[in-house]
Amino acid sequence: MPWDCFVSPGEQQPLIEYLYEAAQVARDVEGWISASLHRSLDGTRVVNYAQSVDREAAERAFDHLLQKGMIEGNRRYGDAHPGLYEVALAIEK
């Protein structure tokens, strides 16, 4: 479940720290696998790439975070655009 967020100046690192806390909460959900946090080099965006075993697990994680107030809290850092995706192709060396 990628979560792309545009942030105000100076909010990139605080959002990354907040998303780290959210990942600690999501770890309790059955089927949640991982989260990878990415920052843009220009300081304007953060991408949270979270993985789960299936769509149902992703939805459970989202609902769990919503119930814990983590989704709403995320919005104070910037304009977020969450979405559900499936891997279409992975290329490795």
PDB file of N, CA and C in Angstrom:
ATOM      1  N   MET A   1       0.850  -1.167   0.000  1.00  0.00           N
ATOM      2  CA  MET A   1       0.000   0.000   0.000  1.00  0.00           C
ATOM      3  C   MET A   1       0.899   1.234   0.000  1.00  0.00           C
ATOM      4  N   PRO A   2       1.236   1.764  -1.149  1.00  0.00           N
ATOM      5  CA  PRO A   2       2.014   3.004  -1.185  1.00  0.00           C
ATOM      6  C   PRO A   2       1.198   4.185  -0.677  1.00  0.00           C
ATOM      7  N   TRP A   3       1.870   5.064  -0.016  1.00  0.00           N
ATOM      8  CA  TRP A   3       1.246   6.252   0.559  1.00  0.00           C
ATOM      9  C   TRP A   3       2.167   7.407   0.240  1.00  0.00           C
ATOM     10  N   ASP A   4       1.812   8.188  -0.757  1.00  0.00           N
ATOM     11  CA  ASP A   4       2.620   9.313  -1.207  1.00  0.00           C
ATOM     12  C   ASP A   4       2.104  10.566  -0.521  1.00  0.00           C
ATOM     13  N   CYS A   5       2.987  11.306   0.131  1.00  0.00           N
ATOM     14  CA  CYS A   5       2.565  12.483   0.877  1.00  0.00           C
ATOM     15  C   CYS A   5       3.432  13.685   0.517  1.00  0.00           C
ATOM     16  N   PHE A   6       2.794  14.753   0.095  1.00  0.00           N
ATOM     17  CA  PHE A   6       3.479  16.022  -0.130  1.00  0.00           C
ATOM     18  C   PHE A   6       3.544  16.746   1.211  1.00  0.00           C
ATOM     19  N   VAL A   7       4.724  17.214   1.589  1.00  0.00           N
ATOM     20  CA  VAL A   7       4.903  17.829   2.899  1.00  0.00           C
ATOM     21  C   VAL A   7       5.351  19.278   2.782  1.00  0.00           C
ATOM     22  N   SER A   8       5.034  20.036   3.812  1.00  0.00           N
ATOM     23  CA  SER A   8       5.497  21.415   3.901  1.00  0.00           C
ATOM     24  C   SER A   8       6.979  21.413   4.247  1.00  0.00           C
ATOM     25  N   PRO A   9       7.681  22.514   3.965  1.00  0.00           N
ATOM     26  CA  PRO A   9       9.101  22.580   4.314  1.00  0.00           C
ATOM     27  C   PRO A   9       9.318  22.274   5.800  1.00  0.00           C
ATOM     28  N   GLY A  10      10.301  21.442   6.066  1.00  0.00           N
ATOM     29  CA  GLY A  10      10.635  21.089   7.431  1.00  0.00           C
ATOM     30  C   GLY A  10       9.810  19.953   8.021  1.00  0.00           C
ATOM     31  N   GLU A  11       8.829  19.428   7.285  1.00  0.00           N
ATOM     32  CA  GLU A  11       7.954  18.385   7.817  1.00  0.00           C
ATOM     33  C   GLU A  11       8.348  16.979   7.368  1.00  0.00           C
ATOM     34  N   GLN A  12       9.349  16.863   6.502  1.00  0.00           N
ATOM     35  CA  GLN A  12       9.704  15.554   5.979  1.00  0.00           C
ATOM     36  C   GLN A  12      10.178  14.607   7.084  1.00  0.00           C
ATOM     37  N   GLN A  13      11.143  15.011   7.880  1.00  0.00           N
ATOM     38  CA  GLN A  13      11.657  14.138   8.930  1.00  0.00           C
ATOM     39  C   GLN A  13      10.619  13.866  10.018  1.00  0.00           C
ATOM     40  N   PRO A  14       9.859  14.871  10.474  1.00  0.00           N
ATOM     41  CA  PRO A  14       8.809  14.562  11.447  1.00  0.00           C
ATOM     42  C   PRO A  14       7.784  13.554  10.914  1.00  0.00           C
ATOM     43  N   LEU A  15       7.445  13.629   9.632  1.00  0.00           N
ATOM     44  CA  LEU A  15       6.517  12.655   9.061  1.00  0.00           C
ATOM     45  C   LEU A  15       7.145  11.264   9.041  1.00  0.00           C
ATOM     46  N   ILE A  16       8.409  11.169   8.681  1.00  0.00           N
ATOM     47  CA  ILE A  16       9.089   9.872   8.674  1.00  0.00           C
ATOM     48  C   ILE A  16       9.069   9.272  10.085  1.00  0.00           C
ATOM     49  N   GLU A  17       9.312  10.073  11.084  1.00  0.00           N
ATOM     50  CA  GLU A  17       9.279   9.586  12.464  1.00  0.00           C
ATOM     51  C   GLU A  17       7.866   9.138  12.850  1.00  0.00           C
ATOM     52  N   TYR A  18       6.856   9.889  12.400  1.00  0.00           N
ATOM     53  CA  TYR A  18       5.471   9.512  12.685  1.00  0.00           C
ATOM     54  C   TYR A  18       5.114   8.203  11.983  1.00  0.00           C
ATOM     55  N   LEU A  19       5.539   8.054  10.741  1.00  0.00           N
ATOM     56  CA  LEU A  19       5.245   6.827  10.002  1.00  0.00           C
ATOM     57  C   LEU A  19       5.964   5.624  10.604  1.00  0.00           C
ATOM     58  N   TYR A  20       7.118   5.855  11.193  1.00  0.00           N
ATOM     59  CA  TYR A  20       7.803   4.787  11.918  1.00  0.00           C
ATOM     60  C   TYR A  20       6.924   4.314  13.078  1.00  0.00           C
ATOM     61  N   GLU A  21       6.357   5.270  13.819  1.00  0.00           N
ATOM     62  CA  GLU A  21       5.453   4.918  14.918  1.00  0.00           C
ATOM     63  C   GLU A  21       4.238   4.158  14.398  1.00  0.00           C
ATOM     64  N   ALA A  22       3.686   4.598  13.271  1.00  0.00           N
ATOM     65  CA  ALA A  22       2.529   3.919  12.681  1.00  0.00           C
ATOM     66  C   ALA A  22       2.885   2.490  12.288  1.00  0.00           C
ATOM     67  N   ALA A  23       4.078   2.285  11.766  1.00  0.00           N
ATOM     68  CA  ALA A  23       4.515   0.935  11.397  1.00  0.00           C
ATOM     69  C   ALA A  23       4.603   0.040  12.626  1.00  0.00           C
ATOM     70  N   GLN A  24       5.013   0.609  13.751  1.00  0.00           N
ATOM     71  CA  GLN A  24       5.072  -0.174  14.981  1.00  0.00           C
ATOM     72  C   GLN A  24       3.666  -0.620  15.400  1.00  0.00           C
ATOM     73  N   VAL A  25       2.674   0.207  15.153  1.00  0.00           N
ATOM     74  CA  VAL A  25       1.280  -0.140  15.451  1.00  0.00           C
ATOM     75  C   VAL A  25       0.780  -1.189  14.457  1.00  0.00           C
ATOM     76  N   ALA A  26       1.106  -1.027  13.184  1.00  0.00           N
ATOM     77  CA  ALA A  26       0.639  -1.941  12.140  1.00  0.00           C
ATOM     78  C   ALA A  26       1.239  -3.334  12.286  1.00  0.00           C
ATOM     79  N   ARG A  27       2.381  -3.435  12.925  1.00  0.00           N
ATOM     80  CA  ARG A  27       3.033  -4.740  13.099  1.00  0.00           C
ATOM     81  C   ARG A  27       2.148  -5.746  13.830  1.00  0.00           C
ATOM     82  N   ASP A  28       1.189  -5.253  14.592  1.00  0.00           N
ATOM     83  CA  ASP A  28       0.294  -6.127  15.346  1.00  0.00           C
ATOM     84  C   ASP A  28      -0.753  -6.813  14.467  1.00  0.00           C
ATOM     85  N   VAL A  29      -0.911  -6.365  13.246  1.00  0.00           N
ATOM     86  CA  VAL A  29      -1.955  -6.877  12.366  1.00  0.00           C
ATOM     87  C   VAL A  29      -1.470  -8.136  11.642  1.00  0.00           C
ATOM     88  N   GLU A  30      -2.262  -9.190  11.728  1.00  0.00           N
ATOM     89  CA  GLU A  30      -1.928 -10.429  11.031  1.00  0.00           C
ATOM     90  C   GLU A  30      -1.868 -10.178   9.524  1.00  0.00           C
ATOM     91  N   GLY A  31      -0.787 -10.617   8.904  1.00  0.00           N
ATOM     92  CA  GLY A  31      -0.625 -10.456   7.461  1.00  0.00           C
ATOM     93  C   GLY A  31       0.182  -9.240   7.048  1.00  0.00           C
ATOM     94  N   TRP A  32       0.463  -8.334   8.000  1.00  0.00           N
ATOM     95  CA  TRP A  32       1.313  -7.184   7.688  1.00  0.00           C
ATOM     96  C   TRP A  32       2.741  -7.692   7.573  1.00  0.00           C
ATOM     97  N   ILE A  33       3.477  -7.246   6.551  1.00  0.00           N
ATOM     98  CA  ILE A  33       4.839  -7.725   6.325  1.00  0.00           C
ATOM     99  C   ILE A  33       5.878  -6.667   6.676  1.00  0.00           C
ATOM    100  N   SER A  34       5.779  -5.492   6.062  1.00  0.00           N
ATOM    101  CA  SER A  34       6.835  -4.500   6.248  1.00  0.00           C
ATOM    102  C   SER A  34       6.387  -3.118   5.783  1.00  0.00           C
ATOM    103  N   ALA A  35       7.220  -2.141   6.108  1.00  0.00           N
ATOM    104  CA  ALA A  35       7.061  -0.776   5.590  1.00  0.00           C
ATOM    105  C   ALA A  35       8.442  -0.257   5.227  1.00  0.00           C
ATOM    106  N   SER A  36       8.523   0.428   4.112  1.00  0.00           N
ATOM    107  CA  SER A  36       9.760   1.093   3.675  1.00  0.00           C
ATOM    108  C   SER A  36       9.428   2.559   3.473  1.00  0.00           C
ATOM    109  N   LEU A  37      10.178   3.427   4.141  1.00  0.00           N
ATOM    110  CA  LEU A  37       9.927   4.866   4.047  1.00  0.00           C
ATOM    111  C   LEU A  37      10.968   5.499   3.145  1.00  0.00           C
ATOM    112  N   HIS A  38      10.500   6.296   2.201  1.00  0.00           N
ATOM    113  CA  HIS A  38      11.374   6.951   1.231  1.00  0.00           C
ATOM    114  C   HIS A  38      11.168   8.453   1.311  1.00  0.00           C
ATOM    115  N   ARG A  39      12.264   9.209   1.251  1.00  0.00           N
ATOM    116  CA  ARG A  39      12.165  10.672   1.242  1.00  0.00           C
ATOM    117  C   ARG A  39      12.669  11.196  -0.103  1.00  0.00           C
ATOM    118  N   SER A  40      12.004  12.219  -0.621  1.00  0.00           N
ATOM    119  CA  SER A  40      12.482  12.845  -1.860  1.00  0.00           C
ATOM    120  C   SER A  40      13.689  13.711  -1.523  1.00  0.00           C
ATOM    121  N   LEU A  41      14.593  13.829  -2.449  1.00  0.00           N
ATOM    122  CA  LEU A  41      15.807  14.609  -2.223  1.00  0.00           C
ATOM    123  C   LEU A  41      15.543  16.103  -2.122  1.00  0.00           C
ATOM    124  N   ASP A  42      14.419  16.561  -2.679  1.00  0.00           N
ATOM    125  CA  ASP A  42      14.105  17.988  -2.592  1.00  0.00           C
ATOM    126  C   ASP A  42      13.347  18.351  -1.311  1.00  0.00           C
ATOM    127  N   GLY A  43      13.056  17.346  -0.452  1.00  0.00           N
ATOM    128  CA  GLY A  43      12.427  17.611   0.839  1.00  0.00           C
ATOM    129  C   GLY A  43      10.928  17.825   0.807  1.00  0.00           C
ATOM    130  N   THR A  44      10.271  17.548  -0.327  1.00  0.00           N
ATOM    131  CA  THR A  44       8.847  17.858  -0.447  1.00  0.00           C
ATOM    132  C   THR A  44       7.924  16.651  -0.364  1.00  0.00           C
ATOM    133  N   ARG A  45       8.483  15.428  -0.371  1.00  0.00           N
ATOM    134  CA  ARG A  45       7.619  14.251  -0.405  1.00  0.00           C
ATOM    135  C   ARG A  45       8.177  13.122   0.449  1.00  0.00           C
ATOM    136  N   VAL A  46       7.250  12.298   0.924  1.00  0.00           N
ATOM    137  CA  VAL A  46       7.583  11.063   1.628  1.00  0.00           C
ATOM    138  C   VAL A  46       6.688   9.973   1.050  1.00  0.00           C
ATOM    139  N   VAL A  47       7.276   8.831   0.774  1.00  0.00           N
ATOM    140  CA  VAL A  47       6.502   7.680   0.310  1.00  0.00           C
ATOM    141  C   VAL A  47       6.658   6.565   1.338  1.00  0.00           C
ATOM    142  N   ASN A  48       5.537   6.034   1.760  1.00  0.00           N
ATOM    143  CA  ASN A  48       5.498   4.885   2.664  1.00  0.00           C
ATOM    144  C   ASN A  48       5.038   3.698   1.827  1.00  0.00           C
ATOM    145  N   TYR A  49       5.929   2.737   1.613  1.00  0.00           N
ATOM    146  CA  TYR A  49       5.599   1.549   0.848  1.00  0.00           C
ATOM    147  C   TYR A  49       5.425   0.402   1.831  1.00  0.00           C
ATOM    148  N   ALA A  50       4.170   0.073   2.150  1.00  0.00           N
ATOM    149  CA  ALA A  50       3.872  -0.981   3.110  1.00  0.00           C
ATOM    150  C   ALA A  50       3.449  -2.238   2.367  1.00  0.00           C
ATOM    151  N   GLN A  51       3.897  -3.386   2.867  1.00  0.00           N
ATOM    152  CA  GLN A  51       3.557  -4.646   2.231  1.00  0.00           C
ATOM    153  C   GLN A  51       2.764  -5.527   3.185  1.00  0.00           C
ATOM    154  N   SER A  52       1.845  -6.281   2.620  1.00  0.00           N
ATOM    155  CA  SER A  52       1.055  -7.243   3.374  1.00  0.00           C
ATOM    156  C   SER A  52       0.886  -8.494   2.519  1.00  0.00           C
ATOM    157  N   VAL A  53       0.432  -9.562   3.140  1.00  0.00           N
ATOM    158  CA  VAL A  53       0.318 -10.822   2.414  1.00  0.00           C
ATOM    159  C   VAL A  53      -0.781 -10.798   1.359  1.00  0.00           C
ATOM    160  N   ASP A  54      -1.819 -10.004   1.574  1.00  0.00           N
ATOM    161  CA  ASP A  54      -2.904  -9.910   0.602  1.00  0.00           C
ATOM    162  C   ASP A  54      -3.705  -8.627   0.852  1.00  0.00           C
ATOM    163  N   ARG A  55      -4.682  -8.403   0.001  1.00  0.00           N
ATOM    164  CA  ARG A  55      -5.492  -7.191   0.097  1.00  0.00           C
ATOM    165  C   ARG A  55      -6.227  -7.112   1.434  1.00  0.00           C
ATOM    166  N   GLU A  56      -6.749  -8.239   1.893  1.00  0.00           N
ATOM    167  CA  GLU A  56      -7.484  -8.243   3.155  1.00  0.00           C
ATOM    168  C   GLU A  56      -6.586  -7.811   4.312  1.00  0.00           C
ATOM    169  N   ALA A  57      -5.345  -8.256   4.315  1.00  0.00           N
ATOM    170  CA  ALA A  57      -4.406  -7.855   5.371  1.00  0.00           C
ATOM    171  C   ALA A  57      -4.114  -6.362   5.278  1.00  0.00           C
ATOM    172  N   ALA A  58      -3.976  -5.848   4.062  1.00  0.00           N
ATOM    173  CA  ALA A  58      -3.748  -4.407   3.890  1.00  0.00           C
ATOM    174  C   ALA A  58      -4.933  -3.617   4.425  1.00  0.00           C
ATOM    175  N   GLU A  59      -6.132  -4.088   4.144  1.00  0.00           N
ATOM    176  CA  GLU A  59      -7.326  -3.403   4.630  1.00  0.00           C
ATOM    177  C   GLU A  59      -7.426  -3.497   6.159  1.00  0.00           C
ATOM    178  N   ARG A  60      -7.055  -4.649   6.726  1.00  0.00           N
ATOM    179  CA  ARG A  60      -7.046  -4.781   8.191  1.00  0.00           C
ATOM    180  C   ARG A  60      -6.044  -3.813   8.819  1.00  0.00           C
ATOM    181  N   ALA A  61      -4.880  -3.695   8.207  1.00  0.00           N
ATOM    182  CA  ALA A  61      -3.861  -2.776   8.730  1.00  0.00           C
ATOM    183  C   ALA A  61      -4.362  -1.338   8.666  1.00  0.00           C
ATOM    184  N   PHE A  62      -4.963  -0.963   7.544  1.00  0.00           N
ATOM    185  CA  PHE A  62      -5.492   0.394   7.396  1.00  0.00           C
ATOM    186  C   PHE A  62      -6.570   0.654   8.446  1.00  0.00           C
ATOM    187  N   ASP A  63      -7.495  -0.296   8.613  1.00  0.00           N
ATOM    188  CA  ASP A  63      -8.565  -0.139   9.606  1.00  0.00           C
ATOM    189  C   ASP A  63      -7.996  -0.035  11.018  1.00  0.00           C
ATOM    190  N   HIS A  64      -6.987  -0.848  11.314  1.00  0.00           N
ATOM    191  CA  HIS A  64      -6.350  -0.812  12.635  1.00  0.00           C
ATOM    192  C   HIS A  64      -5.718   0.558  12.891  1.00  0.00           C
ATOM    193  N   LEU A  65      -5.008   1.060  11.896  1.00  0.00           N
ATOM    194  CA  LEU A  65      -4.382   2.383  12.027  1.00  0.00           C
ATOM    195  C   LEU A  65      -5.433   3.478  12.139  1.00  0.00           C
ATOM    196  N   LEU A  66      -6.524   3.330  11.414  1.00  0.00           N
ATOM    197  CA  LEU A  66      -7.619   4.299  11.479  1.00  0.00           C
ATOM    198  C   LEU A  66      -8.217   4.315  12.888  1.00  0.00           C
ATOM    199  N   GLN A  67      -8.460   3.144  13.452  1.00  0.00           N
ATOM    200  CA  GLN A  67      -9.029   3.045  14.804  1.00  0.00           C
ATOM    201  C   GLN A  67      -8.090   3.622  15.857  1.00  0.00           C
ATOM    202  N   LYS A  68      -6.789   3.516  15.635  1.00  0.00           N
ATOM    203  CA  LYS A  68      -5.800   4.032  16.591  1.00  0.00           C
ATOM    204  C   LYS A  68      -5.528   5.526  16.391  1.00  0.00           C
ATOM    205  N   GLY A  69      -6.190   6.152  15.392  1.00  0.00           N
ATOM    206  CA  GLY A  69      -6.000   7.576  15.126  1.00  0.00           C
ATOM    207  C   GLY A  69      -4.751   7.911  14.334  1.00  0.00           C
ATOM    208  N   MET A  70      -4.056   6.886  13.846  1.00  0.00           N
ATOM    209  CA  MET A  70      -2.793   7.120  13.138  1.00  0.00           C
ATOM    210  C   MET A  70      -3.006   7.712  11.747  1.00  0.00           C
ATOM    211  N   ILE A  71      -4.099   7.360  11.083  1.00  0.00           N
ATOM    212  CA  ILE A  71      -4.356   7.889   9.735  1.00  0.00           C
ATOM    213  C   ILE A  71      -4.648   9.381   9.812  1.00  0.00           C
ATOM    214  N   GLU A  72      -5.505   9.756  10.711  1.00  0.00           N
ATOM    215  CA  GLU A  72      -5.838  11.179  10.873  1.00  0.00           C
ATOM    216  C   GLU A  72      -4.607  11.974  11.300  1.00  0.00           C
ATOM    217  N   GLY A  73      -3.809  11.422  12.187  1.00  0.00           N
ATOM    218  CA  GLY A  73      -2.604  12.100  12.638  1.00  0.00           C
ATOM    219  C   GLY A  73      -1.613  12.334  11.521  1.00  0.00           C
ATOM    220  N   ASN A  74      -1.579  11.425  10.567  1.00  0.00           N
ATOM    221  CA  ASN A  74      -0.691  11.546   9.411  1.00  0.00           C
ATOM    222  C   ASN A  74      -0.978  12.812   8.604  1.00  0.00           C
ATOM    223  N   ARG A  75      -2.224  13.204   8.568  1.00  0.00           N
ATOM    224  CA  ARG A  75      -2.650  14.343   7.739  1.00  0.00           C
ATOM    225  C   ARG A  75      -2.106  15.683   8.218  1.00  0.00           C
ATOM    226  N   ARG A  76      -1.660  15.750   9.461  1.00  0.00           N
ATOM    227  CA  ARG A  76      -1.149  17.036   9.955  1.00  0.00           C
ATOM    228  C   ARG A  76       0.200  17.399   9.322  1.00  0.00           C
ATOM    229  N   TYR A  77       0.845  16.429   8.689  1.00  0.00           N
ATOM    230  CA  TYR A  77       2.164  16.669   8.095  1.00  0.00           C
ATOM    231  C   TYR A  77       2.101  17.066   6.627  1.00  0.00           C
ATOM    232  N   GLY A  78       0.995  16.757   5.959  1.00  0.00           N
ATOM    233  CA  GLY A  78       0.926  17.091   4.542  1.00  0.00           C
ATOM    234  C   GLY A  78      -0.281  16.472   3.868  1.00  0.00           C
ATOM    235  N   ASP A  79      -0.281  16.544   2.559  1.00  0.00           N
ATOM    236  CA  ASP A  79      -1.377  16.072   1.718  1.00  0.00           C
ATOM    237  C   ASP A  79      -1.061  14.655   1.247  1.00  0.00           C
ATOM    238  N   ALA A  80      -1.723  13.661   1.843  1.00  0.00           N
ATOM    239  CA  ALA A  80      -1.412  12.260   1.560  1.00  0.00           C
ATOM    240  C   ALA A  80      -2.341  11.680   0.499  1.00  0.00           C
ATOM    241  N   HIS A  81      -1.802  10.733  -0.264  1.00  0.00           N
ATOM    242  CA  HIS A  81      -2.546  10.045  -1.319  1.00  0.00           C
ATOM    243  C   HIS A  81      -2.311   8.543  -1.210  1.00  0.00           C
ATOM    244  N   PRO A  82      -3.091   7.847  -0.364  1.00  0.00           N
ATOM    245  CA  PRO A  82      -2.900   6.405  -0.216  1.00  0.00           C
ATOM    246  C   PRO A  82      -3.528   5.641  -1.373  1.00  0.00           C
ATOM    247  N   GLY A  83      -3.079   4.434  -1.572  1.00  0.00           N
ATOM    248  CA  GLY A  83      -3.660   3.579  -2.602  1.00  0.00           C
ATOM    249  C   GLY A  83      -3.255   2.138  -2.396  1.00  0.00           C
ATOM    250  N   LEU A  84      -4.061   1.231  -2.915  1.00  0.00           N
ATOM    251  CA  LEU A  84      -3.742  -0.191  -2.875  1.00  0.00           C
ATOM    252  C   LEU A  84      -3.245  -0.614  -4.258  1.00  0.00           C
ATOM    253  N   TYR A  85      -2.135  -1.330  -4.281  1.00  0.00           N
ATOM    254  CA  TYR A  85      -1.530  -1.785  -5.525  1.00  0.00           C
ATOM    255  C   TYR A  85      -1.133  -3.246  -5.382  1.00  0.00           C
ATOM    256  N   GLU A  86      -0.983  -3.917  -6.510  1.00  0.00           N
ATOM    257  CA  GLU A  86      -0.394  -5.247  -6.506  1.00  0.00           C
ATOM    258  C   GLU A  86       0.845  -5.217  -7.380  1.00  0.00           C
ATOM    259  N   VAL A  87       1.779  -6.077  -7.080  1.00  0.00           N
ATOM    260  CA  VAL A  87       3.024  -6.126  -7.855  1.00  0.00           C
ATOM    261  C   VAL A  87       2.697  -6.666  -9.241  1.00  0.00           C
ATOM    262  N   ALA A  88       3.045  -5.898 -10.248  1.00  0.00           N
ATOM    263  CA  ALA A  88       2.846  -6.329 -11.637  1.00  0.00           C
ATOM    264  C   ALA A  88       4.124  -6.943 -12.193  1.00  0.00           C
ATOM    265  N   LEU A  89       5.280  -6.456 -11.707  1.00  0.00           N
ATOM    266  CA  LEU A  89       6.552  -6.935 -12.223  1.00  0.00           C
ATOM    267  C   LEU A  89       7.644  -6.511 -11.245  1.00  0.00           C
ATOM    268  N   ALA A  90       8.546  -7.416 -10.940  1.00  0.00           N
ATOM    269  CA  ALA A  90       9.703  -7.107 -10.117  1.00  0.00           C
ATOM    270  C   ALA A  90      10.955  -7.497 -10.900  1.00  0.00           C
ATOM    271  N   ILE A  91      11.897  -6.597 -10.994  1.00  0.00           N
ATOM    272  CA  ILE A  91      13.136  -6.846 -11.748  1.00  0.00           C
ATOM    273  C   ILE A  91      14.289  -6.800 -10.758  1.00  0.00           C
ATOM    274  N   GLU A  92      15.074  -7.833 -10.742  1.00  0.00           N
ATOM    275  CA  GLU A  92      16.230  -7.906  -9.848  1.00  0.00           C
ATOM    276  C   GLU A  92      17.470  -8.191 -10.656  1.00  0.00           C
ATOM    277  N   LYS A  93      18.597  -7.903 -10.081  1.00  0.00           N
ATOM    278  CA  LYS A  93      19.861  -8.159 -10.750  1.00  0.00           C
ATOM    279  C   LYS A  93      20.192  -9.620 -10.724  1.00  0.00           C
TER     280      LYS A  93
END
